[in-house]
Amino acid sequence: PWLPRFALKQWYQRRVRGDMLKDALGVKESHDCDWAVHPGGKAVINVFHTEDLELNLSKEDLSPSWESLKHHGNLAAPSILLVIKAAMERTAITEKDKVFCIGFGPGMVIKYYGLTRKE
């Protein structure tokens, strides 16, 4: 579990602390949007709960990722699509219209983007 945490912390310190949320969605804080984290396993999702990233995300904040992992497992790349669908549906409940999406690929490829719900 230390490898995902280490790799993400290094990436976060270089990229996220900058203006990642602002660039992707126009928001400043992690709680200004909903989250869709690729469900690559418990260790991957747990990284977003650690103090290392300073995001202060709760299990509820990442419930679309946890639910997808629980019900479908890690389906590799398509996993994020299930999480995005659930996160976009969740925006109606949380009353947030933005979802920050982050996915992972082979060789520690990290991609992120923002989605905005339109009525």
N, C-alpha and C. Protein backbone atom coordinates (compact mmCIF):
# COMPACT_ATOMS: atom_id res chain seq x y z
N PRO A 1 0.80 -1.22 0.00
CA PRO A 1 0.00 0.00 0.00
C PRO A 1 0.83 1.27 0.00
N TRP A 2 2.11 1.19 0.38
CA TRP A 2 2.90 2.42 0.44
C TRP A 2 3.20 2.96 -0.95
N LEU A 3 3.28 2.10 -1.97
CA LEU A 3 3.62 2.58 -3.31
C LEU A 3 2.57 3.52 -3.87
N PRO A 4 1.26 3.16 -3.86
CA PRO A 4 0.29 4.13 -4.37
C PRO A 4 0.31 5.44 -3.58
N ARG A 5 0.45 5.34 -2.26
CA ARG A 5 0.47 6.55 -1.44
C ARG A 5 1.69 7.39 -1.77
N PHE A 6 2.86 6.75 -1.91
CA PHE A 6 4.09 7.47 -2.23
C PHE A 6 3.99 8.12 -3.60
N ALA A 7 3.57 7.35 -4.59
CA ALA A 7 3.49 7.86 -5.96
C ALA A 7 2.50 9.00 -6.07
N LEU A 8 1.32 8.83 -5.45
CA LEU A 8 0.32 9.89 -5.52
C LEU A 8 0.75 11.13 -4.74
N LYS A 9 1.43 10.92 -3.63
CA LYS A 9 1.89 12.08 -2.86
C LYS A 9 2.89 12.89 -3.68
N GLN A 10 3.80 12.20 -4.35
CA GLN A 10 4.78 12.90 -5.18
C GLN A 10 4.09 13.66 -6.31
N TRP A 11 3.15 13.00 -6.96
CA TRP A 11 2.41 13.62 -8.05
C TRP A 11 1.60 14.80 -7.52
N TYR A 12 0.94 14.60 -6.40
CA TYR A 12 0.11 15.63 -5.81
C TYR A 12 0.93 16.88 -5.47
N GLN A 13 2.08 16.67 -4.86
CA GLN A 13 2.89 17.80 -4.46
C GLN A 13 3.35 18.63 -5.66
N ARG A 14 3.58 17.94 -6.77
CA ARG A 14 4.01 18.65 -7.97
C ARG A 14 2.86 19.28 -8.74
N ARG A 15 1.73 18.60 -8.79
CA ARG A 15 0.66 19.01 -9.68
C ARG A 15 -0.58 19.54 -8.98
N VAL A 16 -1.08 18.80 -8.03
CA VAL A 16 -2.37 19.11 -7.44
C VAL A 16 -2.33 20.36 -6.58
N ARG A 17 -1.27 20.50 -5.82
CA ARG A 17 -1.20 21.68 -4.95
C ARG A 17 -1.21 22.97 -5.76
N GLY A 18 -0.90 22.84 -7.01
CA GLY A 18 -0.99 24.01 -7.89
C GLY A 18 -2.46 24.34 -8.08
N ASP A 19 -2.87 24.32 -9.30
CA ASP A 19 -4.24 24.73 -9.61
C ASP A 19 -5.03 23.64 -10.30
N MET A 20 -4.82 22.38 -9.93
CA MET A 20 -5.48 21.29 -10.62
C MET A 20 -7.00 21.41 -10.55
N LEU A 21 -7.56 21.58 -9.37
CA LEU A 21 -9.01 21.70 -9.24
C LEU A 21 -9.52 22.94 -9.97
N LYS A 22 -8.76 24.01 -9.86
CA LYS A 22 -9.15 25.24 -10.53
C LYS A 22 -9.08 25.06 -12.05
N ASP A 23 -8.01 24.43 -12.53
CA ASP A 23 -7.87 24.21 -13.97
C ASP A 23 -8.99 23.32 -14.51
N ALA A 24 -9.31 22.26 -13.79
CA ALA A 24 -10.28 21.29 -14.28
C ALA A 24 -11.72 21.76 -14.12
N LEU A 25 -12.01 22.47 -13.01
CA LEU A 25 -13.41 22.77 -12.68
C LEU A 25 -13.70 24.21 -12.28
N GLY A 26 -12.67 24.97 -12.04
CA GLY A 26 -12.90 26.33 -11.56
C GLY A 26 -13.22 26.40 -10.09
N VAL A 27 -12.84 25.38 -9.31
CA VAL A 27 -13.08 25.39 -7.87
C VAL A 27 -11.73 25.41 -7.14
N LYS A 28 -11.76 25.83 -5.87
CA LYS A 28 -10.52 25.95 -5.10
C LYS A 28 -10.31 24.83 -4.10
N GLU A 29 -11.38 24.30 -3.54
CA GLU A 29 -11.27 23.33 -2.45
C GLU A 29 -11.85 21.98 -2.86
N SER A 30 -11.34 20.92 -2.24
CA SER A 30 -11.78 19.57 -2.57
C SER A 30 -13.26 19.34 -2.26
N HIS A 31 -13.82 20.10 -1.34
CA HIS A 31 -15.23 19.92 -0.97
C HIS A 31 -16.17 20.77 -1.82
N ASP A 32 -15.62 21.49 -2.79
CA ASP A 32 -16.45 22.28 -3.70
C ASP A 32 -16.98 21.46 -4.86
N CYS A 33 -16.61 20.18 -4.92
CA CYS A 33 -17.05 19.32 -6.01
C CYS A 33 -17.20 17.89 -5.49
N ASP A 34 -17.89 17.07 -6.28
CA ASP A 34 -17.95 15.65 -5.98
C ASP A 34 -16.74 14.99 -6.64
N TRP A 35 -16.46 13.73 -6.25
CA TRP A 35 -15.26 13.04 -6.71
C TRP A 35 -15.58 11.71 -7.35
N ALA A 36 -14.86 11.40 -8.42
CA ALA A 36 -14.91 10.10 -9.08
C ALA A 36 -13.48 9.59 -9.19
N VAL A 37 -13.08 8.74 -8.27
CA VAL A 37 -11.73 8.18 -8.23
C VAL A 37 -11.76 6.76 -8.78
N HIS A 38 -10.86 6.46 -9.70
CA HIS A 38 -10.79 5.11 -10.28
C HIS A 38 -10.68 4.08 -9.16
N PRO A 39 -11.56 3.06 -9.16
CA PRO A 39 -11.54 2.06 -8.10
C PRO A 39 -10.54 0.95 -8.37
N GLY A 40 -9.27 1.30 -8.39
CA GLY A 40 -8.21 0.34 -8.69
C GLY A 40 -7.87 -0.58 -7.52
N GLY A 41 -8.58 -0.46 -6.44
CA GLY A 41 -8.34 -1.27 -5.25
C GLY A 41 -8.44 -0.42 -4.01
N LYS A 42 -8.50 -1.08 -2.86
CA LYS A 42 -8.63 -0.36 -1.59
C LYS A 42 -7.47 0.58 -1.36
N ALA A 43 -6.26 0.13 -1.68
CA ALA A 43 -5.08 0.97 -1.44
C ALA A 43 -5.13 2.25 -2.25
N VAL A 44 -5.62 2.16 -3.48
CA VAL A 44 -5.71 3.35 -4.34
C VAL A 44 -6.72 4.34 -3.77
N ILE A 45 -7.91 3.87 -3.45
CA ILE A 45 -8.95 4.78 -2.94
C ILE A 45 -8.56 5.33 -1.58
N ASN A 46 -7.97 4.49 -0.73
CA ASN A 46 -7.58 4.95 0.61
C ASN A 46 -6.58 6.10 0.58
N VAL A 47 -5.78 6.18 -0.46
CA VAL A 47 -4.81 7.28 -0.56
C VAL A 47 -5.53 8.63 -0.48
N PHE A 48 -6.72 8.70 -1.00
CA PHE A 48 -7.45 9.97 -1.02
C PHE A 48 -8.03 10.33 0.34
N HIS A 49 -7.96 9.41 1.28
CA HIS A 49 -8.40 9.68 2.65
C HIS A 49 -7.22 10.08 3.55
N THR A 50 -6.00 9.85 3.11
CA THR A 50 -4.84 10.08 3.97
C THR A 50 -4.56 11.57 4.13
N GLU A 51 -3.85 11.87 5.16
CA GLU A 51 -3.43 13.26 5.40
C GLU A 51 -2.36 13.68 4.41
N ASP A 52 -1.71 12.71 3.76
CA ASP A 52 -0.65 13.02 2.80
C ASP A 52 -1.11 13.99 1.72
N LEU A 53 -2.32 13.78 1.22
CA LEU A 53 -2.82 14.60 0.12
C LEU A 53 -3.53 15.86 0.58
N GLU A 54 -3.83 15.94 1.86
CA GLU A 54 -4.47 17.11 2.44
C GLU A 54 -5.78 17.47 1.74
N LEU A 55 -6.51 16.46 1.30
CA LEU A 55 -7.79 16.69 0.64
C LEU A 55 -8.96 16.62 1.62
N ASN A 56 -8.76 15.94 2.74
CA ASN A 56 -9.80 15.79 3.77
C ASN A 56 -11.08 15.19 3.22
N LEU A 57 -10.95 14.19 2.36
CA LEU A 57 -12.13 13.53 1.80
C LEU A 57 -12.56 12.38 2.71
N SER A 58 -13.85 12.29 2.92
CA SER A 58 -14.39 11.22 3.77
C SER A 58 -14.75 10.01 2.91
N LYS A 59 -15.12 8.94 3.58
CA LYS A 59 -15.57 7.75 2.86
C LYS A 59 -16.82 8.09 2.06
N GLU A 60 -17.67 8.91 2.62
CA GLU A 60 -18.89 9.34 1.91
C GLU A 60 -18.55 10.14 0.65
N ASP A 61 -17.53 11.00 0.73
CA ASP A 61 -17.12 11.78 -0.44
C ASP A 61 -16.73 10.87 -1.60
N LEU A 62 -16.18 9.71 -1.27
CA LEU A 62 -15.72 8.77 -2.30
C LEU A 62 -16.64 7.57 -2.44
N SER A 63 -17.88 7.72 -1.98
CA SER A 63 -18.81 6.59 -2.03
C SER A 63 -19.02 6.01 -3.43
N PRO A 64 -19.05 6.81 -4.51
CA PRO A 64 -19.18 6.18 -5.83
C PRO A 64 -18.03 5.21 -6.13
N SER A 65 -16.83 5.55 -5.71
CA SER A 65 -15.67 4.68 -5.94
C SER A 65 -15.75 3.43 -5.09
N TRP A 66 -16.09 3.60 -3.82
CA TRP A 66 -16.19 2.45 -2.91
C TRP A 66 -17.30 1.49 -3.35
N GLU A 67 -18.43 2.04 -3.75
CA GLU A 67 -19.55 1.20 -4.18
C GLU A 67 -19.21 0.43 -5.46
N SER A 68 -18.53 1.08 -6.38
CA SER A 68 -18.13 0.40 -7.62
C SER A 68 -17.16 -0.73 -7.32
N LEU A 69 -16.20 -0.47 -6.45
CA LEU A 69 -15.23 -1.51 -6.08
C LEU A 69 -15.95 -2.68 -5.41
N LYS A 70 -16.87 -2.37 -4.53
CA LYS A 70 -17.61 -3.41 -3.80
C LYS A 70 -18.44 -4.28 -4.74
N HIS A 71 -19.14 -3.66 -5.67
CA HIS A 71 -20.08 -4.40 -6.51
C HIS A 71 -19.49 -4.95 -7.81
N HIS A 72 -18.44 -4.31 -8.33
CA HIS A 72 -17.90 -4.71 -9.63
C HIS A 72 -16.42 -5.06 -9.60
N GLY A 73 -15.72 -4.66 -8.55
CA GLY A 73 -14.28 -4.89 -8.50
C GLY A 73 -13.56 -3.89 -9.40
N ASN A 74 -12.31 -4.17 -9.66
CA ASN A 74 -11.51 -3.32 -10.54
C ASN A 74 -11.61 -3.89 -11.95
N LEU A 75 -12.33 -3.21 -12.80
CA LEU A 75 -12.52 -3.65 -14.18
C LEU A 75 -11.51 -3.00 -15.12
N ALA A 76 -10.41 -2.53 -14.58
CA ALA A 76 -9.38 -1.80 -15.33
C ALA A 76 -9.98 -0.48 -15.81
N ALA A 77 -9.64 -0.04 -16.99
CA ALA A 77 -10.05 1.28 -17.47
C ALA A 77 -11.56 1.54 -17.41
N PRO A 78 -12.42 0.59 -17.80
CA PRO A 78 -13.87 0.87 -17.77
C PRO A 78 -14.42 1.15 -16.37
N SER A 79 -13.70 0.80 -15.32
CA SER A 79 -14.18 1.02 -13.95
C SER A 79 -14.56 2.47 -13.72
N ILE A 80 -13.78 3.38 -14.26
CA ILE A 80 -14.02 4.80 -13.99
C ILE A 80 -15.36 5.25 -14.56
N LEU A 81 -15.82 4.61 -15.63
CA LEU A 81 -17.11 4.99 -16.22
C LEU A 81 -18.27 4.72 -15.26
N LEU A 82 -18.22 3.61 -14.55
CA LEU A 82 -19.25 3.31 -13.56
C LEU A 82 -19.22 4.32 -12.43
N VAL A 83 -18.03 4.70 -12.02
CA VAL A 83 -17.88 5.67 -10.93
C VAL A 83 -18.38 7.05 -11.38
N ILE A 84 -18.04 7.44 -12.59
CA ILE A 84 -18.48 8.74 -13.11
C ILE A 84 -20.01 8.80 -13.15
N LYS A 85 -20.64 7.75 -13.63
CA LYS A 85 -22.10 7.71 -13.69
C LYS A 85 -22.68 7.91 -12.30
N ALA A 86 -22.18 7.17 -11.33
CA ALA A 86 -22.69 7.28 -9.96
C ALA A 86 -22.40 8.66 -9.38
N ALA A 87 -21.23 9.21 -9.65
CA ALA A 87 -20.87 10.53 -9.12
C ALA A 87 -21.75 11.62 -9.72
N MET A 88 -22.03 11.51 -11.02
CA MET A 88 -22.89 12.52 -11.65
C MET A 88 -24.31 12.43 -11.10
N GLU A 89 -24.79 11.23 -10.84
CA GLU A 89 -26.11 11.07 -10.23
C GLU A 89 -26.11 11.63 -8.81
N ARG A 90 -25.00 11.49 -8.12
CA ARG A 90 -24.88 11.96 -6.74
C ARG A 90 -24.92 13.49 -6.65
N THR A 91 -24.56 14.19 -7.71
CA THR A 91 -24.56 15.66 -7.67
C THR A 91 -25.95 16.22 -7.38
N ALA A 92 -26.99 15.50 -7.75
CA ALA A 92 -28.35 15.95 -7.44
C ALA A 92 -28.62 15.93 -5.94
N ILE A 93 -28.00 14.98 -5.25
CA ILE A 93 -28.16 14.86 -3.80
C ILE A 93 -27.29 15.86 -3.06
N THR A 94 -26.05 15.98 -3.49
CA THR A 94 -25.10 16.87 -2.80
C THR A 94 -25.28 18.32 -3.21
N GLU A 95 -26.05 18.55 -4.27
CA GLU A 95 -26.28 19.89 -4.81
C GLU A 95 -25.01 20.55 -5.32
N LYS A 96 -24.06 19.73 -5.70
CA LYS A 96 -22.85 20.22 -6.36
C LYS A 96 -23.01 19.89 -7.84
N ASP A 97 -22.59 20.77 -8.70
CA ASP A 97 -22.78 20.50 -10.13
C ASP A 97 -21.49 20.08 -10.83
N LYS A 98 -20.43 19.87 -10.05
CA LYS A 98 -19.14 19.53 -10.64
C LYS A 98 -18.59 18.23 -10.04
N VAL A 99 -17.92 17.46 -10.90
CA VAL A 99 -17.29 16.21 -10.46
C VAL A 99 -15.85 16.22 -10.95
N PHE A 100 -14.93 16.02 -10.02
CA PHE A 100 -13.52 15.87 -10.36
C PHE A 100 -13.26 14.39 -10.56
N CYS A 101 -12.79 14.02 -11.75
CA CYS A 101 -12.54 12.62 -12.11
C CYS A 101 -11.04 12.38 -12.20
N ILE A 102 -10.60 11.26 -11.64
CA ILE A 102 -9.19 10.91 -11.73
C ILE A 102 -9.07 9.42 -11.97
N GLY A 103 -8.28 9.07 -12.98
CA GLY A 103 -8.10 7.68 -13.36
C GLY A 103 -6.63 7.33 -13.43
N PHE A 104 -6.36 6.05 -13.37
CA PHE A 104 -4.99 5.56 -13.36
C PHE A 104 -4.82 4.49 -14.41
N GLY A 105 -3.63 4.44 -15.01
CA GLY A 105 -3.36 3.44 -16.03
C GLY A 105 -2.02 2.78 -15.78
N PRO A 106 -1.62 1.92 -16.70
CA PRO A 106 -0.35 1.21 -16.54
C PRO A 106 0.83 2.18 -16.51
N GLY A 107 1.83 1.81 -15.74
CA GLY A 107 3.03 2.65 -15.65
C GLY A 107 2.82 3.93 -14.88
N MET A 108 1.86 3.92 -13.96
CA MET A 108 1.52 5.10 -13.14
C MET A 108 1.08 6.29 -14.00
N VAL A 109 0.31 6.02 -15.02
CA VAL A 109 -0.31 7.08 -15.79
C VAL A 109 -1.48 7.62 -14.97
N ILE A 110 -1.54 8.92 -14.82
CA ILE A 110 -2.61 9.55 -14.07
C ILE A 110 -3.27 10.58 -14.97
N LYS A 111 -4.57 10.47 -15.13
CA LYS A 111 -5.34 11.42 -15.92
C LYS A 111 -6.44 12.00 -15.04
N TYR A 112 -6.69 13.28 -15.21
CA TYR A 112 -7.78 13.90 -14.46
C TYR A 112 -8.52 14.87 -15.36
N TYR A 113 -9.76 15.11 -15.03
CA TYR A 113 -10.58 16.05 -15.78
C TYR A 113 -11.79 16.40 -14.93
N GLY A 114 -12.47 17.44 -15.32
CA GLY A 114 -13.65 17.87 -14.60
C GLY A 114 -14.89 17.75 -15.46
N LEU A 115 -15.98 17.40 -14.83
CA LEU A 115 -17.27 17.33 -15.50
C LEU A 115 -18.25 18.26 -14.79
N THR A 116 -19.11 18.89 -15.56
CA THR A 116 -20.14 19.75 -14.99
C THR A 116 -21.50 19.26 -15.45
N ARG A 117 -22.38 19.08 -14.48
CA ARG A 117 -23.74 18.62 -14.80
C ARG A 117 -24.55 19.77 -15.34
N LYS A 118 -25.20 19.53 -16.46
CA LYS A 118 -26.09 20.53 -17.06
C LYS A 118 -27.51 20.03 -16.95
N GLU A 119 -28.41 20.90 -16.63
CA GLU A 119 -29.82 20.48 -16.50
C GLU A 119 -30.49 20.58 -17.83
